[in-house]
Amino acid sequence: MKQLSIDRFEGKFAICEDSEEKYYAIETSELPEGAKEGDVLRITDEGELLIDEGETRARRERIAAKQRRAFGK
C-alpha cells in the first residue's frame, strides 16, 4: 500500500509527497473529509484515499521530538 503525506494546499489542490520525494497534486474534493497539512494518506488497492491516523500521529511526534532537541525545549 502506498502512502502520501499532505505537504501543503495550493488553491483547490493538496500537494502530497511520497516516500521517494515525488510530489502529486490531488484535488481537495478527492481527499478524505477533515484531511489537513501533515496528514499521512494511505492509498488502498482500490485507489481509495484514507487518513492513516496512527502514522500521522507517529510522524508528528517524531517531528516534535526533533524540534525539542534542536531548540532545547
Protein backbone atom coordinates (compact mmCIF):
# COMPACT_ATOMS: atom_id res chain seq x y z
CA MET A 1 0.00 0.00 0.00
CA LYS A 2 1.36 3.39 -0.98
CA GLN A 3 1.46 6.34 1.42
CA LEU A 4 1.47 10.06 0.75
CA SER A 5 1.81 12.95 3.15
CA ILE A 6 -0.01 16.23 2.61
CA ASP A 7 2.70 18.85 2.29
CA ARG A 8 0.52 21.89 1.62
CA PHE A 9 -2.58 23.22 -0.09
CA GLU A 10 -2.46 25.36 -3.22
CA GLY A 11 -5.83 26.55 -4.41
CA LYS A 12 -8.06 23.54 -4.99
CA PHE A 13 -5.15 21.09 -4.79
CA ALA A 14 -3.36 19.27 -1.99
CA ILE A 15 0.32 18.89 -2.79
CA CYS A 16 1.34 15.47 -1.50
CA GLU A 17 4.73 13.78 -1.23
CA ASP A 18 5.55 10.08 -1.34
CA SER A 19 8.48 8.21 0.24
CA GLU A 20 10.59 8.76 -2.89
CA GLU A 21 10.13 12.55 -2.60
CA LYS A 22 7.86 12.69 -5.63
CA TYR A 23 5.05 15.22 -5.50
CA TYR A 24 1.43 14.81 -6.58
CA ALA A 25 -1.36 17.36 -6.88
CA ILE A 26 -4.66 15.89 -5.70
CA GLU A 27 -7.90 17.85 -5.87
CA THR A 28 -9.13 18.62 -2.38
CA SER A 29 -12.53 17.16 -3.31
CA GLU A 30 -10.80 13.75 -3.62
CA LEU A 31 -9.36 13.87 -0.07
CA PRO A 32 -10.98 12.24 2.94
CA GLU A 33 -13.11 14.63 4.98
CA GLY A 34 -11.04 16.55 7.53
CA ALA A 35 -7.67 15.97 5.81
CA LYS A 36 -5.11 18.66 6.67
CA GLU A 37 -1.44 19.52 6.19
CA GLY A 38 0.83 16.90 7.68
CA ASP A 39 -1.69 14.06 7.48
CA VAL A 40 -0.49 10.75 6.09
CA LEU A 41 -2.76 9.23 3.47
CA ARG A 42 -2.93 5.56 2.61
CA ILE A 43 -3.92 4.55 -0.89
CA THR A 44 -5.81 1.26 -0.86
CA ASP A 45 -5.54 -1.33 -3.61
CA GLU A 46 -8.87 0.03 -4.87
CA GLY A 47 -7.43 3.56 -5.11
CA GLU A 48 -9.29 4.97 -2.11
CA LEU A 49 -7.53 7.62 0.00
CA LEU A 50 -7.73 7.16 3.77
CA ILE A 51 -6.12 9.14 6.58
CA ASP A 52 -3.65 6.92 8.44
CA GLU A 53 -4.24 8.26 11.96
CA GLY A 54 -1.52 6.14 13.56
CA GLU A 55 1.21 7.10 11.10
CA THR A 56 0.13 10.75 11.16
CA ARG A 57 0.40 10.80 14.98
CA ALA A 58 3.77 9.00 14.94
CA ARG A 59 5.17 11.39 12.32
CA ARG A 60 4.02 14.44 14.30
CA GLU A 61 5.61 13.04 17.46
CA ARG A 62 8.93 12.43 15.64
CA ILE A 63 8.93 15.98 14.28
CA ALA A 64 8.11 17.46 17.71
CA ALA A 65 10.97 15.46 19.28
CA LYS A 66 13.41 16.74 16.64
CA GLN A 67 12.27 20.31 17.28
CA ARG A 68 12.74 19.92 21.04
CA ARG A 69 16.27 18.57 20.50
CA ALA A 70 17.13 21.31 18.01
CA PHE A 71 15.76 24.18 20.08
CA GLY A 72 16.39 22.78 23.57
CA LYS A 73 12.80 22.74 24.80
